[in-house]
Amino acid sequence: YIFDEPVNCSKITIQTGHPHRFFWGVAFGHAEISYDGVNFEYVAEFDKYNKVIINNITKPVKAVKIICHGPGEGRSITLQPLKIE
């Protein structure tokens, strides 16, 4: 995800998979954030619910990246809208 303008927030939740079933989520992966849109920092691994919660954001975020480490449940994933607080 790349934002047109950096976003001021304190928390971002990345949820993958179908909203009503546990299908097509990122089973093996992690998230990274960037404050300038170029340099990314590791945040956390996806949990067993195919989710990453980014806390302790210190400045406006320009981009969020999802990195997959291995195979999931199929050949595709579903990305839900970011929850930005």
N, C-alpha and C. Protein backbone atom coordinates (compact mmCIF):
# COMPACT_ATOMS: atom_id res chain seq x y z
N TYR A 1 0.85 -1.16 0.00
CA TYR A 1 0.00 0.00 0.00
C TYR A 1 0.90 1.23 0.00
N ILE A 2 0.67 2.16 -0.91
CA ILE A 2 1.42 3.42 -0.95
C ILE A 2 0.40 4.54 -0.85
N PHE A 3 0.59 5.43 0.12
CA PHE A 3 -0.33 6.53 0.33
C PHE A 3 0.13 7.74 -0.47
N ASP A 4 -0.81 8.51 -1.00
CA ASP A 4 -0.46 9.74 -1.74
C ASP A 4 0.30 10.70 -0.84
N GLU A 5 -0.16 10.83 0.38
CA GLU A 5 0.49 11.67 1.40
C GLU A 5 0.73 10.81 2.63
N PRO A 6 1.81 11.06 3.38
CA PRO A 6 2.04 10.30 4.61
C PRO A 6 0.84 10.42 5.56
N VAL A 7 0.52 9.31 6.23
CA VAL A 7 -0.66 9.23 7.09
C VAL A 7 -0.24 9.29 8.56
N ASN A 8 -0.83 10.24 9.29
CA ASN A 8 -0.62 10.32 10.73
C ASN A 8 -1.52 9.31 11.41
N CYS A 9 -0.94 8.41 12.19
CA CYS A 9 -1.73 7.39 12.88
C CYS A 9 -0.89 6.81 14.02
N SER A 10 -1.55 6.08 14.91
CA SER A 10 -0.83 5.42 15.99
C SER A 10 -0.87 3.90 15.85
N LYS A 11 -1.78 3.40 14.97
CA LYS A 11 -1.94 1.96 14.82
C LYS A 11 -2.48 1.64 13.44
N ILE A 12 -1.95 0.59 12.82
CA ILE A 12 -2.45 0.08 11.54
C ILE A 12 -2.62 -1.43 11.69
N THR A 13 -3.80 -1.93 11.31
CA THR A 13 -4.06 -3.36 11.32
C THR A 13 -4.15 -3.84 9.88
N ILE A 14 -3.36 -4.87 9.55
CA ILE A 14 -3.39 -5.49 8.24
C ILE A 14 -4.07 -6.84 8.41
N GLN A 15 -5.23 -7.00 7.80
CA GLN A 15 -5.96 -8.28 7.87
C GLN A 15 -6.04 -8.87 6.48
N THR A 16 -5.61 -10.11 6.35
CA THR A 16 -5.71 -10.79 5.07
C THR A 16 -6.69 -11.95 5.21
N GLY A 17 -7.13 -12.47 4.10
CA GLY A 17 -8.06 -13.57 4.10
C GLY A 17 -9.50 -13.09 3.90
N HIS A 18 -10.35 -14.02 3.62
CA HIS A 18 -11.77 -13.74 3.39
C HIS A 18 -12.38 -13.23 4.70
N PRO A 19 -13.20 -12.17 4.67
CA PRO A 19 -13.74 -11.59 5.90
C PRO A 19 -14.62 -12.54 6.73
N HIS A 20 -15.24 -13.54 6.11
CA HIS A 20 -16.16 -14.40 6.85
C HIS A 20 -15.70 -15.86 6.95
N ARG A 21 -14.53 -16.15 6.41
CA ARG A 21 -13.97 -17.50 6.45
C ARG A 21 -12.45 -17.40 6.57
N PHE A 22 -11.84 -18.46 7.01
CA PHE A 22 -10.38 -18.45 7.12
C PHE A 22 -9.76 -19.00 5.83
N PHE A 23 -10.02 -18.33 4.72
CA PHE A 23 -9.46 -18.72 3.43
C PHE A 23 -8.65 -17.57 2.84
N TRP A 24 -7.64 -17.88 2.08
CA TRP A 24 -6.87 -16.93 1.27
C TRP A 24 -6.14 -15.86 2.07
N GLY A 25 -5.66 -16.22 3.24
CA GLY A 25 -4.89 -15.28 4.04
C GLY A 25 -3.40 -15.52 3.88
N VAL A 26 -2.60 -14.61 4.38
CA VAL A 26 -1.15 -14.76 4.38
C VAL A 26 -0.80 -15.61 5.60
N ALA A 27 -0.45 -16.86 5.36
CA ALA A 27 -0.13 -17.79 6.45
C ALA A 27 1.31 -17.64 6.91
N PHE A 28 2.20 -17.39 5.97
CA PHE A 28 3.62 -17.26 6.29
C PHE A 28 4.14 -15.97 5.67
N GLY A 29 4.36 -14.95 6.50
CA GLY A 29 4.83 -13.68 5.99
C GLY A 29 4.98 -12.65 7.09
N HIS A 30 5.38 -11.47 6.70
CA HIS A 30 5.51 -10.37 7.65
C HIS A 30 5.15 -9.05 6.98
N ALA A 31 5.08 -8.00 7.79
CA ALA A 31 4.78 -6.66 7.29
C ALA A 31 5.96 -5.73 7.54
N GLU A 32 6.07 -4.74 6.67
CA GLU A 32 7.08 -3.70 6.81
C GLU A 32 6.40 -2.36 6.59
N ILE A 33 6.93 -1.29 7.20
CA ILE A 33 6.41 0.06 6.96
C ILE A 33 7.55 0.96 6.51
N SER A 34 7.15 2.04 5.83
CA SER A 34 8.11 3.03 5.36
C SER A 34 7.59 4.42 5.69
N TYR A 35 8.47 5.24 6.18
CA TYR A 35 8.11 6.63 6.47
C TYR A 35 8.39 7.54 5.29
N ASP A 36 9.25 7.07 4.36
CA ASP A 36 9.60 7.90 3.20
C ASP A 36 9.18 7.28 1.86
N GLY A 37 8.63 6.06 1.89
CA GLY A 37 8.21 5.38 0.68
C GLY A 37 9.33 4.63 -0.03
N VAL A 38 10.54 4.68 0.50
CA VAL A 38 11.70 4.02 -0.12
C VAL A 38 12.32 3.00 0.82
N ASN A 39 12.62 3.40 2.03
CA ASN A 39 13.26 2.54 3.02
C ASN A 39 12.20 1.92 3.92
N PHE A 40 12.23 0.57 4.03
CA PHE A 40 11.22 -0.15 4.79
C PHE A 40 11.83 -0.77 6.04
N GLU A 41 11.01 -0.85 7.11
CA GLU A 41 11.41 -1.45 8.37
C GLU A 41 10.51 -2.65 8.67
N TYR A 42 11.11 -3.74 9.11
CA TYR A 42 10.35 -4.91 9.55
C TYR A 42 9.46 -4.52 10.72
N VAL A 43 8.21 -5.02 10.74
CA VAL A 43 7.29 -4.73 11.83
C VAL A 43 6.97 -5.99 12.63
N ALA A 44 6.34 -6.97 11.97
CA ALA A 44 5.94 -8.18 12.69
C ALA A 44 5.52 -9.27 11.71
N GLU A 45 5.51 -10.52 12.21
CA GLU A 45 5.02 -11.66 11.44
C GLU A 45 3.49 -11.68 11.47
N PHE A 46 2.89 -12.26 10.44
CA PHE A 46 1.45 -12.48 10.46
C PHE A 46 1.14 -13.54 11.52
N ASP A 47 0.05 -13.32 12.28
CA ASP A 47 -0.32 -14.27 13.32
C ASP A 47 -1.18 -15.39 12.76
N LYS A 48 -1.67 -16.26 13.62
CA LYS A 48 -2.46 -17.42 13.16
C LYS A 48 -3.81 -17.01 12.57
N TYR A 49 -4.19 -15.74 12.76
CA TYR A 49 -5.43 -15.23 12.18
C TYR A 49 -5.17 -14.44 10.91
N ASN A 50 -3.97 -14.57 10.35
CA ASN A 50 -3.57 -13.88 9.11
C ASN A 50 -3.59 -12.37 9.28
N LYS A 51 -3.13 -11.89 10.43
CA LYS A 51 -3.21 -10.47 10.76
C LYS A 51 -1.90 -9.97 11.35
N VAL A 52 -1.60 -8.69 11.10
CA VAL A 52 -0.49 -7.98 11.72
C VAL A 52 -1.04 -6.68 12.27
N ILE A 53 -0.69 -6.38 13.52
CA ILE A 53 -1.05 -5.09 14.12
C ILE A 53 0.23 -4.31 14.32
N ILE A 54 0.29 -3.13 13.71
CA ILE A 54 1.46 -2.26 13.81
C ILE A 54 1.15 -1.19 14.86
N ASN A 55 1.87 -1.23 15.97
CA ASN A 55 1.72 -0.25 17.06
C ASN A 55 2.96 0.62 17.14
N ASN A 56 2.90 1.60 18.00
CA ASN A 56 4.07 2.45 18.29
C ASN A 56 4.62 3.11 17.04
N ILE A 57 3.74 3.64 16.20
CA ILE A 57 4.17 4.36 15.00
C ILE A 57 4.62 5.75 15.44
N THR A 58 5.83 6.11 15.07
CA THR A 58 6.44 7.34 15.60
C THR A 58 6.27 8.57 14.72
N LYS A 59 5.97 8.36 13.43
CA LYS A 59 5.80 9.49 12.52
C LYS A 59 4.88 9.08 11.38
N PRO A 60 4.47 10.00 10.52
CA PRO A 60 3.55 9.66 9.42
C PRO A 60 4.09 8.54 8.52
N VAL A 61 3.21 7.62 8.15
CA VAL A 61 3.56 6.46 7.34
C VAL A 61 3.25 6.72 5.88
N LYS A 62 4.21 6.47 5.00
CA LYS A 62 4.05 6.66 3.56
C LYS A 62 3.65 5.36 2.86
N ALA A 63 4.09 4.19 3.38
CA ALA A 63 3.80 2.93 2.70
C ALA A 63 3.81 1.75 3.67
N VAL A 64 3.05 0.73 3.30
CA VAL A 64 3.00 -0.53 4.05
C VAL A 64 3.24 -1.65 3.04
N LYS A 65 4.11 -2.61 3.41
CA LYS A 65 4.45 -3.70 2.50
C LYS A 65 4.16 -5.04 3.18
N ILE A 66 3.62 -5.98 2.38
CA ILE A 66 3.39 -7.35 2.84
C ILE A 66 4.39 -8.25 2.12
N ILE A 67 5.11 -9.05 2.90
CA ILE A 67 6.10 -9.98 2.36
C ILE A 67 5.63 -11.40 2.67
N CYS A 68 5.46 -12.23 1.64
CA CYS A 68 5.08 -13.63 1.82
C CYS A 68 6.33 -14.49 1.85
N HIS A 69 6.42 -15.40 2.84
CA HIS A 69 7.60 -16.27 2.99
C HIS A 69 7.42 -17.63 2.36
N GLY A 70 6.20 -18.05 2.18
CA GLY A 70 6.00 -19.41 1.68
C GLY A 70 4.58 -19.61 1.20
N PRO A 71 4.28 -20.82 0.84
CA PRO A 71 2.96 -21.11 0.28
C PRO A 71 1.87 -20.94 1.32
N GLY A 72 0.70 -20.57 0.84
CA GLY A 72 -0.46 -20.45 1.70
C GLY A 72 -1.45 -21.54 1.37
N GLU A 73 -2.72 -21.20 1.48
CA GLU A 73 -3.78 -22.18 1.26
C GLU A 73 -4.10 -22.36 -0.21
N GLY A 74 -3.64 -21.49 -1.06
CA GLY A 74 -3.95 -21.59 -2.47
C GLY A 74 -3.01 -20.73 -3.28
N ARG A 75 -3.43 -20.40 -4.47
CA ARG A 75 -2.59 -19.61 -5.36
C ARG A 75 -2.87 -18.12 -5.29
N SER A 76 -3.79 -17.72 -4.42
CA SER A 76 -4.12 -16.31 -4.31
C SER A 76 -4.35 -15.93 -2.85
N ILE A 77 -4.36 -14.64 -2.58
CA ILE A 77 -4.67 -14.13 -1.23
C ILE A 77 -5.73 -13.04 -1.36
N THR A 78 -6.41 -12.81 -0.28
CA THR A 78 -7.38 -11.72 -0.20
C THR A 78 -6.82 -10.69 0.77
N LEU A 79 -6.79 -9.44 0.36
CA LEU A 79 -6.35 -8.35 1.21
C LEU A 79 -7.56 -7.51 1.59
N GLN A 80 -7.77 -7.33 2.88
CA GLN A 80 -8.85 -6.48 3.34
C GLN A 80 -8.33 -5.05 3.46
N PRO A 81 -9.21 -4.06 3.48
CA PRO A 81 -8.76 -2.68 3.64
C PRO A 81 -7.98 -2.52 4.96
N LEU A 82 -6.96 -1.68 4.92
CA LEU A 82 -6.21 -1.40 6.13
C LEU A 82 -7.12 -0.71 7.15
N LYS A 83 -6.94 -1.05 8.41
CA LYS A 83 -7.64 -0.37 9.49
C LYS A 83 -6.64 0.59 10.09
N ILE A 84 -6.84 1.88 9.84
CA ILE A 84 -5.89 2.91 10.29
C ILE A 84 -6.53 3.69 11.42
N GLU A 85 -5.84 3.72 12.55
CA GLU A 85 -6.34 4.45 13.72
C GLU A 85 -5.36 5.51 14.16
